[in-house]
PDB file of N, CA and C in Angstrom:
ATOM      1  N   MET A   1       0.810  -1.206   0.000  1.00  0.00           N
ATOM      2  CA  MET A   1       0.000   0.000   0.000  1.00  0.00           C
ATOM      3  C   MET A   1       0.854   1.271   0.000  1.00  0.00           C
ATOM      4  N   LYS A   2       2.074   1.171   0.469  1.00  0.00           N
ATOM      5  CA  LYS A   2       2.906   2.364   0.545  1.00  0.00           C
ATOM      6  C   LYS A   2       3.489   2.759  -0.807  1.00  0.00           C
ATOM      7  N   GLU A   3       3.595   1.816  -1.726  1.00  0.00           N
ATOM      8  CA  GLU A   3       4.222   2.120  -3.010  1.00  0.00           C
ATOM      9  C   GLU A   3       3.545   3.253  -3.762  1.00  0.00           C
ATOM     10  N   PRO A   4       2.213   3.267  -3.929  1.00  0.00           N
ATOM     11  CA  PRO A   4       1.603   4.402  -4.640  1.00  0.00           C
ATOM     12  C   PRO A   4       1.891   5.740  -3.966  1.00  0.00           C
ATOM     13  N   ASN A   5       1.929   5.744  -2.640  1.00  0.00           N
ATOM     14  CA  ASN A   5       2.223   6.977  -1.912  1.00  0.00           C
ATOM     15  C   ASN A   5       3.658   7.437  -2.185  1.00  0.00           C
ATOM     16  N   ILE A   6       4.582   6.487  -2.264  1.00  0.00           N
ATOM     17  CA  ILE A   6       5.978   6.829  -2.555  1.00  0.00           C
ATOM     18  C   ILE A   6       6.084   7.427  -3.954  1.00  0.00           C
ATOM     19  N   TYR A   7       5.387   6.833  -4.923  1.00  0.00           N
ATOM     20  CA  TYR A   7       5.406   7.370  -6.283  1.00  0.00           C
ATOM     21  C   TYR A   7       4.810   8.768  -6.329  1.00  0.00           C
ATOM     22  N   ARG A   8       3.743   8.974  -5.572  1.00  0.00           N
ATOM     23  CA  ARG A   8       3.099  10.284  -5.536  1.00  0.00           C
ATOM     24  C   ARG A   8       4.046  11.322  -4.939  1.00  0.00           C
ATOM     25  N   GLU A   9       4.747  10.947  -3.871  1.00  0.00           N
ATOM     26  CA  GLU A   9       5.704  11.870  -3.254  1.00  0.00           C
ATOM     27  C   GLU A   9       6.858  12.171  -4.209  1.00  0.00           C
ATOM     28  N   ASP A  10       7.307  11.150  -4.927  1.00  0.00           N
ATOM     29  CA  ASP A  10       8.384  11.343  -5.897  1.00  0.00           C
ATOM     30  C   ASP A  10       7.933  12.279  -7.019  1.00  0.00           C
ATOM     31  N   ALA A  11       6.718  12.071  -7.513  1.00  0.00           N
ATOM     32  CA  ALA A  11       6.176  12.937  -8.568  1.00  0.00           C
ATOM     33  C   ALA A  11       6.023  14.364  -8.057  1.00  0.00           C
ATOM     34  N   TYR A  12       5.557  14.506  -6.813  1.00  0.00           N
ATOM     35  CA  TYR A  12       5.410  15.840  -6.225  1.00  0.00           C
ATOM     36  C   TYR A  12       6.773  16.526  -6.121  1.00  0.00           C
ATOM     37  N   GLU A  13       7.780  15.787  -5.688  1.00  0.00           N
ATOM     38  CA  GLU A  13       9.118  16.367  -5.528  1.00  0.00           C
ATOM     39  C   GLU A  13       9.689  16.801  -6.881  1.00  0.00           C
ATOM     40  N   LYS A  14       9.475  15.995  -7.920  1.00  0.00           N
ATOM     41  CA  LYS A  14       9.936  16.369  -9.260  1.00  0.00           C
ATOM     42  C   LYS A  14       9.212  17.622  -9.752  1.00  0.00           C
ATOM     43  N   ALA A  15       7.902  17.684  -9.518  1.00  0.00           N
ATOM     44  CA  ALA A  15       7.121  18.852  -9.942  1.00  0.00           C
ATOM     45  C   ALA A  15       7.566  20.098  -9.186  1.00  0.00           C
ATOM     46  N   ARG A  16       7.818  19.957  -7.885  1.00  0.00           N
ATOM     47  CA  ARG A  16       8.269  21.089  -7.072  1.00  0.00           C
ATOM     48  C   ARG A  16       9.622  21.595  -7.565  1.00  0.00           C
ATOM     49  N   LYS A  17      10.515  20.669  -7.894  1.00  0.00           N
ATOM     50  CA  LYS A  17      11.841  21.049  -8.391  1.00  0.00           C
ATOM     51  C   LYS A  17      11.719  21.772  -9.734  1.00  0.00           C
ATOM     52  N   ARG A  18      10.843  21.287 -10.592  1.00  0.00           N
ATOM     53  CA  ARG A  18      10.666  21.929 -11.903  1.00  0.00           C
ATOM     54  C   ARG A  18      10.101  23.337 -11.752  1.00  0.00           C
ATOM     55  N   VAL A  19       9.145  23.511 -10.832  1.00  0.00           N
ATOM     56  CA  VAL A  19       8.584  24.843 -10.581  1.00  0.00           C
ATOM     57  C   VAL A  19       9.676  25.775 -10.071  1.00  0.00           C
ATOM     58  N   GLU A  20      10.548  25.284  -9.212  1.00  0.00           N
ATOM     59  CA  GLU A  20      11.660  26.104  -8.712  1.00  0.00           C
ATOM     60  C   GLU A  20      12.599  26.505  -9.852  1.00  0.00           C
ATOM     61  N   GLU A  21      12.869  25.581 -10.773  1.00  0.00           N
ATOM     62  CA  GLU A  21      13.728  25.903 -11.923  1.00  0.00           C
ATOM     63  C   GLU A  21      13.087  26.985 -12.791  1.00  0.00           C
ATOM     64  N   GLU A  22      11.791  26.857 -13.042  1.00  0.00           N
ATOM     65  CA  GLU A  22      11.094  27.847 -13.867  1.00  0.00           C
ATOM     66  C   GLU A  22      11.034  29.198 -13.161  1.00  0.00           C
ATOM     67  N   LYS A  23      10.813  29.177 -11.859  1.00  0.00           N
ATOM     68  CA  LYS A  23      10.785  30.418 -11.085  1.00  0.00           C
ATOM     69  C   LYS A  23      12.151  31.106 -11.135  1.00  0.00           C
ATOM     70  N   GLY A  24      13.213  30.326 -11.051  1.00  0.00           N
ATOM     71  CA  GLY A  24      14.563  30.871 -11.156  1.00  0.00           C
ATOM     72  C   GLY A  24      14.802  31.522 -12.506  1.00  0.00           C
ATOM     73  N   PHE A  25      14.278  30.900 -13.567  1.00  0.00           N
ATOM     74  CA  PHE A  25      14.419  31.492 -14.898  1.00  0.00           C
ATOM     75  C   PHE A  25      13.700  32.834 -14.966  1.00  0.00           C
ATOM     76  N   TYR A  26      12.474  32.902 -14.443  1.00  0.00           N
ATOM     77  CA  TYR A  26      11.716  34.160 -14.506  1.00  0.00           C
ATOM     78  C   TYR A  26      12.393  35.263 -13.693  1.00  0.00           C
ATOM     79  N   ARG A  27      13.033  34.906 -12.579  1.00  0.00           N
ATOM     80  CA  ARG A  27      13.812  35.894 -11.824  1.00  0.00           C
ATOM     81  C   ARG A  27      14.982  36.388 -12.681  1.00  0.00           C
ATOM     82  N   HIS A  28      15.662  35.461 -13.309  1.00  0.00           N
ATOM     83  CA  HIS A  28      16.802  35.796 -14.166  1.00  0.00           C
ATOM     84  C   HIS A  28      16.357  36.714 -15.302  1.00  0.00           C
ATOM     85  N   LEU A  29      15.229  36.397 -15.934  1.00  0.00           N
ATOM     86  CA  LEU A  29      14.697  37.215 -17.025  1.00  0.00           C
ATOM     87  C   LEU A  29      14.353  38.624 -16.539  1.00  0.00           C
ATOM     88  N   THR A  30      13.735  38.734 -15.379  1.00  0.00           N
ATOM     89  CA  THR A  30      13.372  40.039 -14.818  1.00  0.00           C
ATOM     90  C   THR A  30      14.617  40.884 -14.564  1.00  0.00           C
ATOM     91  N   ILE A  31      15.636  40.284 -13.962  1.00  0.00           N
ATOM     92  CA  ILE A  31      16.878  41.011 -13.687  1.00  0.00           C
ATOM     93  C   ILE A  31      17.550  41.419 -14.998  1.00  0.00           C
ATOM     94  N   TYR A  32      17.539  40.529 -15.991  1.00  0.00           N
ATOM     95  CA  TYR A  32      18.114  40.818 -17.310  1.00  0.00           C
ATOM     96  C   TYR A  32      17.454  42.051 -17.920  1.00  0.00           C
ATOM     97  N   ILE A  33      16.140  42.096 -17.895  1.00  0.00           N
ATOM     98  CA  ILE A  33      15.410  43.227 -18.486  1.00  0.00           C
ATOM     99  C   ILE A  33      15.706  44.515 -17.728  1.00  0.00           C
ATOM    100  N   ILE A  34      15.632  44.472 -16.403  1.00  0.00           N
ATOM    101  CA  ILE A  34      15.858  45.674 -15.590  1.00  0.00           C
ATOM    102  C   ILE A  34      17.267  46.227 -15.811  1.00  0.00           C
ATOM    103  N   ILE A  35      18.272  45.374 -15.725  1.00  0.00           N
ATOM    104  CA  ILE A  35      19.661  45.829 -15.855  1.00  0.00           C
ATOM    105  C   ILE A  35      19.930  46.376 -17.253  1.00  0.00           C
ATOM    106  N   ASN A  36      19.442  45.702 -18.284  1.00  0.00           N
ATOM    107  CA  ASN A  36      19.718  46.169 -19.643  1.00  0.00           C
ATOM    108  C   ASN A  36      18.973  47.452 -19.977  1.00  0.00           C
ATOM    109  N   VAL A  37      17.768  47.626 -19.458  1.00  0.00           N
ATOM    110  CA  VAL A  37      17.062  48.900 -19.638  1.00  0.00           C
ATOM    111  C   VAL A  37      17.817  50.004 -18.906  1.00  0.00           C
ATOM    112  N   LEU A  38      18.310  49.711 -17.718  1.00  0.00           N
ATOM    113  CA  LEU A  38      19.087  50.683 -16.950  1.00  0.00           C
ATOM    114  C   LEU A  38      20.376  51.059 -17.692  1.00  0.00           C
ATOM    115  N   ILE A  39      21.088  50.081 -18.227  1.00  0.00           N
ATOM    116  CA  ILE A  39      22.308  50.360 -19.000  1.00  0.00           C
ATOM    117  C   ILE A  39      21.985  51.235 -20.206  1.00  0.00           C
ATOM    118  N   LEU A  40      20.932  50.901 -20.917  1.00  0.00           N
ATOM    119  CA  LEU A  40      20.528  51.682 -22.087  1.00  0.00           C
ATOM    120  C   LEU A  40      20.160  53.109 -21.684  1.00  0.00           C
ATOM    121  N   PHE A  41      19.401  53.249 -20.610  1.00  0.00           N
ATOM    122  CA  PHE A  41      18.988  54.568 -20.129  1.00  0.00           C
ATOM    123  C   PHE A  41      20.198  55.415 -19.746  1.00  0.00           C
ATOM    124  N   ILE A  42      21.116  54.839 -18.993  1.00  0.00           N
ATOM    125  CA  ILE A  42      22.300  55.579 -18.552  1.00  0.00           C
ATOM    126  C   ILE A  42      23.164  55.982 -19.747  1.00  0.00           C
ATOM    127  N   ASN A  43      23.385  55.064 -20.665  1.00  0.00           N
ATOM    128  CA  ASN A  43      24.251  55.362 -21.814  1.00  0.00           C
ATOM    129  C   ASN A  43      23.653  56.389 -22.758  1.00  0.00           C
ATOM    130  N   THR A  44      22.340  56.423 -22.886  1.00  0.00           N
ATOM    131  CA  THR A  44      21.747  57.376 -23.825  1.00  0.00           C
ATOM    132  C   THR A  44      21.449  58.726 -23.189  1.00  0.00           C
ATOM    133  N   ASN A  45      21.321  58.792 -21.876  1.00  0.00           N
ATOM    134  CA  ASN A  45      20.929  60.045 -21.234  1.00  0.00           C
ATOM    135  C   ASN A  45      22.050  60.765 -20.493  1.00  0.00           C
ATOM    136  N   PHE A  46      23.081  60.062 -20.068  1.00  0.00           N
ATOM    137  CA  PHE A  46      24.092  60.705 -19.239  1.00  0.00           C
ATOM    138  C   PHE A  46      25.467  60.789 -19.884  1.00  0.00           C
ATOM    139  N   ASP A  47      25.612  60.288 -21.081  1.00  0.00           N
ATOM    140  CA  ASP A  47      26.918  60.308 -21.721  1.00  0.00           C
ATOM    141  C   ASP A  47      27.124  61.560 -22.563  1.00  0.00           C
ATOM    142  N   GLY A  48      26.056  62.224 -22.929  1.00  0.00           N
ATOM    143  CA  GLY A  48      26.174  63.439 -23.705  1.00  0.00           C
ATOM    144  C   GLY A  48      26.211  63.219 -25.206  1.00  0.00           C
ATOM    145  N   GLN A  49      26.293  61.981 -25.651  1.00  0.00           N
ATOM    146  CA  GLN A  49      26.331  61.721 -27.081  1.00  0.00           C
ATOM    147  C   GLN A  49      24.977  61.271 -27.617  1.00  0.00           C
ATOM    148  N   GLY A  50      24.071  60.886 -26.744  1.00  0.00           N
ATOM    149  CA  GLY A  50      22.721  60.515 -27.165  1.00  0.00           C
ATOM    150  C   GLY A  50      22.663  59.356 -28.126  1.00  0.00           C
ATOM    151  N   PHE A  51      22.080  59.593 -29.272  1.00  0.00           N
ATOM    152  CA  PHE A  51      21.797  58.526 -30.232  1.00  0.00           C
ATOM    153  C   PHE A  51      23.065  57.899 -30.813  1.00  0.00           C
ATOM    154  N   LYS A  52      24.159  58.620 -30.815  1.00  0.00           N
ATOM    155  CA  LYS A  52      25.409  58.069 -31.348  1.00  0.00           C
ATOM    156  C   LYS A  52      25.832  56.809 -30.600  1.00  0.00           C
ATOM    157  N   ASN A  53      25.463  56.710 -29.336  1.00  0.00           N
ATOM    158  CA  ASN A  53      25.832  55.536 -28.540  1.00  0.00           C
ATOM    159  C   ASN A  53      25.219  54.247 -29.071  1.00  0.00           C
ATOM    160  N   TRP A  54      24.137  54.348 -29.812  1.00  0.00           N
ATOM    161  CA  TRP A  54      23.495  53.144 -30.339  1.00  0.00           C
ATOM    162  C   TRP A  54      24.411  52.398 -31.297  1.00  0.00           C
ATOM    163  N   PHE A  55      25.371  53.094 -31.867  1.00  0.00           N
ATOM    164  CA  PHE A  55      26.247  52.474 -32.849  1.00  0.00           C
ATOM    165  C   PHE A  55      27.552  51.970 -32.238  1.00  0.00           C
ATOM    166  N   GLN A  56      27.697  52.051 -30.960  1.00  0.00           N
ATOM    167  CA  GLN A  56      28.918  51.590 -30.312  1.00  0.00           C
ATOM    168  C   GLN A  56      28.732  50.140 -29.868  1.00  0.00           C
ATOM    169  N   TRP A  57      29.694  49.321 -30.159  1.00  0.00           N
ATOM    170  CA  TRP A  57      29.584  47.886 -29.929  1.00  0.00           C
ATOM    171  C   TRP A  57      29.452  47.523 -28.462  1.00  0.00           C
ATOM    172  N   HIS A  58      30.074  48.298 -27.569  1.00  0.00           N
ATOM    173  CA  HIS A  58      30.054  47.910 -26.155  1.00  0.00           C
ATOM    174  C   HIS A  58      28.650  47.952 -25.549  1.00  0.00           C
ATOM    175  N   LEU A  59      27.724  48.652 -26.193  1.00  0.00           N
ATOM    176  CA  LEU A  59      26.345  48.654 -25.698  1.00  0.00           C
ATOM    177  C   LEU A  59      25.647  47.329 -25.975  1.00  0.00           C
ATOM    178  N   TYR A  60      26.154  46.583 -26.934  1.00  0.00           N
ATOM    179  CA  TYR A  60      25.523  45.317 -27.304  1.00  0.00           C
ATOM    180  C   TYR A  60      26.149  44.106 -26.620  1.00  0.00           C
ATOM    181  N   VAL A  61      27.359  44.244 -26.134  1.00  0.00           N
ATOM    182  CA  VAL A  61      28.058  43.097 -25.562  1.00  0.00           C
ATOM    183  C   VAL A  61      27.301  42.515 -24.369  1.00  0.00           C
ATOM    184  N   THR A  62      26.922  43.334 -23.424  1.00  0.00           N
ATOM    185  CA  THR A  62      26.236  42.834 -22.237  1.00  0.00           C
ATOM    186  C   THR A  62      24.916  42.159 -22.578  1.00  0.00           C
ATOM    187  N   PRO A  63      24.004  42.813 -23.301  1.00  0.00           N
ATOM    188  CA  PRO A  63      22.735  42.139 -23.591  1.00  0.00           C
ATOM    189  C   PRO A  63      22.884  40.886 -24.452  1.00  0.00           C
ATOM    190  N   VAL A  64      23.809  40.902 -25.402  1.00  0.00           N
ATOM    191  CA  VAL A  64      23.948  39.744 -26.289  1.00  0.00           C
ATOM    192  C   VAL A  64      24.537  38.550 -25.543  1.00  0.00           C
ATOM    193  N   LEU A  65      25.653  38.748 -24.863  1.00  0.00           N
ATOM    194  CA  LEU A  65      26.272  37.630 -24.153  1.00  0.00           C
ATOM    195  C   LEU A  65      25.391  37.138 -23.011  1.00  0.00           C
ATOM    196  N   TRP A  66      24.824  38.056 -22.262  1.00  0.00           N
ATOM    197  CA  TRP A  66      23.928  37.682 -21.177  1.00  0.00           C
ATOM    198  C   TRP A  66      22.672  37.017 -21.753  1.00  0.00           C
ATOM    199  N   GLY A  67      22.216  37.502 -22.891  1.00  0.00           N
ATOM    200  CA  GLY A  67      21.052  36.906 -23.554  1.00  0.00           C
ATOM    201  C   GLY A  67      21.310  35.467 -23.971  1.00  0.00           C
ATOM    202  N   ILE A  68      22.523  35.177 -24.409  1.00  0.00           N
ATOM    203  CA  ILE A  68      22.878  33.796 -24.753  1.00  0.00           C
ATOM    204  C   ILE A  68      22.806  32.923 -23.504  1.00  0.00           C
ATOM    205  N   GLY A  69      23.344  33.426 -22.406  1.00  0.00           N
ATOM    206  CA  GLY A  69      23.253  32.690 -21.141  1.00  0.00           C
ATOM    207  C   GLY A  69      21.816  32.508 -20.697  1.00  0.00           C
ATOM    208  N   LEU A  70      21.006  33.537 -20.878  1.00  0.00           N
ATOM    209  CA  LEU A  70      19.586  33.468 -20.527  1.00  0.00           C
ATOM    210  C   LEU A  70      18.868  32.431 -21.382  1.00  0.00           C
ATOM    211  N   PHE A  71      19.229  32.355 -22.654  1.00  0.00           N
ATOM    212  CA  PHE A  71      18.639  31.346 -23.544  1.00  0.00           C
ATOM    213  C   PHE A  71      18.932  29.929 -23.048  1.00  0.00           C
ATOM    214  N   PHE A  72      20.177  29.676 -22.653  1.00  0.00           N
ATOM    215  CA  PHE A  72      20.521  28.347 -22.137  1.00  0.00           C
ATOM    216  C   PHE A  72      19.816  28.070 -20.809  1.00  0.00           C
ATOM    217  N   HIS A  73      19.639  29.101 -19.995  1.00  0.00           N
ATOM    218  CA  HIS A  73      18.888  28.938 -18.753  1.00  0.00           C
ATOM    219  C   HIS A  73      17.438  28.557 -19.065  1.00  0.00           C
ATOM    220  N   TRP A  74      16.849  29.199 -20.075  1.00  0.00           N
ATOM    221  CA  TRP A  74      15.484  28.865 -20.502  1.00  0.00           C
ATOM    222  C   TRP A  74      15.402  27.409 -20.957  1.00  0.00           C
ATOM    223  N   MET A  75      16.386  26.997 -21.758  1.00  0.00           N
ATOM    224  CA  MET A  75      16.389  25.613 -22.243  1.00  0.00           C
ATOM    225  C   MET A  75      16.443  24.626 -21.087  1.00  0.00           C
ATOM    226  N   LYS A  76      17.249  24.928 -20.080  1.00  0.00           N
ATOM    227  CA  LYS A  76      17.376  24.028 -18.933  1.00  0.00           C
ATOM    228  C   LYS A  76      16.113  24.042 -18.083  1.00  0.00           C
ATOM    229  N   ALA A  77      15.588  25.224 -17.805  1.00  0.00           N
ATOM    230  CA  ALA A  77      14.427  25.341 -16.913  1.00  0.00           C
ATOM    231  C   ALA A  77      13.173  24.717 -17.501  1.00  0.00           C
ATOM    232  N   PHE A  78      13.000  24.829 -18.802  1.00  0.00           N
ATOM    233  CA  PHE A  78      11.782  24.325 -19.437  1.00  0.00           C
ATOM    234  C   PHE A  78      12.021  23.028 -20.208  1.00  0.00           C
ATOM    235  N   HIS A  79      13.186  22.425 -19.985  1.00  0.00           N
ATOM    236  CA  HIS A  79      13.516  21.131 -20.593  1.00  0.00           C
ATOM    237  C   HIS A  79      13.340  21.169 -22.109  1.00  0.00           C
ATOM    238  N   LYS A  80      13.895  22.198 -22.717  1.00  0.00           N
ATOM    239  CA  LYS A  80      13.810  22.384 -24.171  1.00  0.00           C
ATOM    240  C   LYS A  80      15.180  22.131 -24.790  1.00  0.00           C
ATOM    241  N   ASN A  81      15.544  20.899 -24.929  1.00  0.00           N
ATOM    242  CA  ASN A  81      16.823  20.570 -25.536  1.00  0.00           C
ATOM    243  C   ASN A  81      16.565  20.038 -26.938  1.00  0.00           C
ATOM    244  N   PRO A  82      16.893  20.813 -27.968  1.00  0.00           N
ATOM    245  CA  PRO A  82      16.596  20.374 -29.333  1.00  0.00           C
ATOM    246  C   PRO A  82      17.441  19.186 -29.781  1.00  0.00           C
ATOM    247  N   PHE A  83      18.514  18.910 -29.078  1.00  0.00           N
ATOM    248  CA  PHE A  83      19.408  17.843 -29.495  1.00  0.00           C
ATOM    249  C   PHE A  83      19.069  16.509 -28.839  1.00  0.00           C
ATOM    250  N   PHE A  84      18.820  16.526 -27.560  1.00  0.00           N
ATOM    251  CA  PHE A  84      18.548  15.293 -26.821  1.00  0.00           C
ATOM    252  C   PHE A  84      17.244  15.423 -26.048  1.00  0.00           C
ATOM    253  N   ASN A  85      16.147  15.620 -26.763  1.00  0.00           N
ATOM    254  CA  ASN A  85      14.854  15.777 -26.111  1.00  0.00           C
ATOM    255  C   ASN A  85      14.247  14.420 -25.777  1.00  0.00           C
ATOM    256  N   SER A  86      13.035  14.416 -25.212  1.00  0.00           N
ATOM    257  CA  SER A  86      12.412  13.170 -24.776  1.00  0.00           C
ATOM    258  C   SER A  86      12.111  12.247 -25.954  1.00  0.00           C
ATOM    259  N   ASP A  87      11.787  12.793 -27.124  1.00  0.00           N
ATOM    260  CA  ASP A  87      11.561  11.951 -28.303  1.00  0.00           C
ATOM    261  C   ASP A  87      12.836  11.211 -28.684  1.00  0.00           C
ATOM    262  N   TRP A  88      13.935  11.920 -28.631  1.00  0.00           N
ATOM    263  CA  TRP A  88      15.213  11.297 -28.938  1.00  0.00           C
ATOM    264  C   TRP A  88      15.506  10.199 -27.934  1.00  0.00           C
ATOM    265  N   GLU A  89      15.249  10.455 -26.649  1.00  0.00           N
ATOM    266  CA  GLU A  89      15.488   9.458 -25.609  1.00  0.00           C
ATOM    267  C   GLU A  89      14.650   8.208 -25.848  1.00  0.00           C
ATOM    268  N   GLU A  90      13.379   8.396 -26.166  1.00  0.00           N
ATOM    269  CA  GLU A  90      12.498   7.252 -26.413  1.00  0.00           C
ATOM    270  C   GLU A  90      12.974   6.441 -27.614  1.00  0.00           C
ATOM    271  N   ARG A  91      13.352   7.117 -28.686  1.00  0.00           N
ATOM    272  CA  ARG A  91      13.850   6.407 -29.868  1.00  0.00           C
ATOM    273  C   ARG A  91      15.128   5.637 -29.548  1.00  0.00           C
ATOM    274  N   LYS A  92      16.015   6.266 -28.788  1.00  0.00           N
ATOM    275  CA  LYS A  92      17.285   5.627 -28.436  1.00  0.00           C
ATOM    276  C   LYS A  92      17.047   4.415 -27.541  1.00  0.00           C
ATOM    277  N   ILE A  93      16.158   4.538 -26.567  1.00  0.00           N
ATOM    278  CA  ILE A  93      15.835   3.413 -25.682  1.00  0.00           C
ATOM    279  C   ILE A  93      15.258   2.261 -26.498  1.00  0.00           C
ATOM    280  N   LYS A  94      14.332   2.582 -27.388  1.00  0.00           N
ATOM    281  CA  LYS A  94      13.714   1.549 -28.226  1.00  0.00           C
ATOM    282  C   LYS A  94      14.765   0.854 -29.090  1.00  0.00           C
ATOM    283  N   LYS A  95      15.675   1.629 -29.675  1.00  0.00           N
ATOM    284  CA  LYS A  95      16.723   1.064 -30.518  1.00  0.00           C
ATOM    285  C   LYS A  95      17.632   0.141 -29.716  1.00  0.00           C
ATOM    286  N   ILE A  96      18.023   0.570 -28.531  1.00  0.00           N
ATOM    287  CA  ILE A  96      18.906  -0.246 -27.690  1.00  0.00           C
ATOM    288  C   ILE A  96      18.206  -1.530 -27.272  1.00  0.00           C
ATOM    289  N   LEU A  97      16.932  -1.437 -26.893  1.00  0.00           N
ATOM    290  CA  LEU A  97      16.181  -2.635 -26.512  1.00  0.00           C
ATOM    291  C   LEU A  97      16.059  -3.607 -27.682  1.00  0.00           C
ATOM    292  N   GLU A  98      15.830  -3.082 -28.875  1.00  0.00           N
ATOM    293  CA  GLU A  98      15.759  -3.947 -30.060  1.00  0.00           C
ATOM    294  C   GLU A  98      17.098  -4.627 -30.325  1.00  0.00           C
ATOM    295  N   GLU A  99      18.197  -3.896 -30.168  1.00  0.00           N
ATOM    296  CA  GLU A  99      19.523  -4.489 -30.352  1.00  0.00           C
ATOM    297  C   GLU A  99      19.783  -5.569 -29.317  1.00  0.00           C
ATOM    298  N   GLU A 100      19.404  -5.311 -28.081  1.00  0.00           N
ATOM    299  CA  GLU A 100      19.567  -6.304 -27.015  1.00  0.00           C
ATOM    300  C   GLU A 100      18.769  -7.567 -27.330  1.00  0.00           C
ATOM    301  N   GLU A 101      17.564  -7.383 -27.828  1.00  0.00           N
ATOM    302  CA  GLU A 101      16.705  -8.516 -28.174  1.00  0.00           C
ATOM    303  C   GLU A 101      17.334  -9.337 -29.303  1.00  0.00           C
ATOM    304  N   ARG A 102      17.876  -8.668 -30.311  1.00  0.00           N
ATOM    305  CA  ARG A 102      18.527  -9.377 -31.421  1.00  0.00           C
ATOM    306  C   ARG A 102      19.775 -10.116 -30.956  1.00  0.00           C
ATOM    307  N   ASN A 103      20.522  -9.518 -30.040  1.00  0.00           N
ATOM    308  CA  ASN A 103      21.747 -10.152 -29.545  1.00  0.00           C
ATOM    309  C   ASN A 103      21.456 -11.387 -28.707  1.00  0.00           C
ATOM    310  N   ARG A 104      20.306 -11.422 -28.077  1.00  0.00           N
ATOM    311  CA  ARG A 104      19.941 -12.584 -27.263  1.00  0.00           C
ATOM    312  C   ARG A 104      19.564 -13.787 -28.121  1.00  0.00           C
ATOM    313  N   LYS A 105      19.146 -13.549 -29.332  1.00  0.00           N
ATOM    314  CA  LYS A 105      18.690 -14.660 -30.194  1.00  0.00           C
ATOM    315  C   LYS A 105      19.821 -15.354 -30.877  1.00  0.00           C
TER     316      LYS A 105
END
């Protein structure tokens, strides 16, 4: 009788962990937006050059590199791996099981 309860607790723990990962991503996204808007605001309003700053490469380095990191965080938090997703795992498991079955014969 305890087995279904153990599975339920395990499923709950996995769901709780996934929610924490997604919550962490949304915090990261919020900080990314706030900091980059602040950088843009400071560079365009307090440097004295105004619109000319838009053409300087250093304004793009932070958002682009941080954005790449944010993208990978999104992939991890929402389990979006285009290379080794669940479909790939299922196909690979099926292939290995079929090979094992053939080797036994």
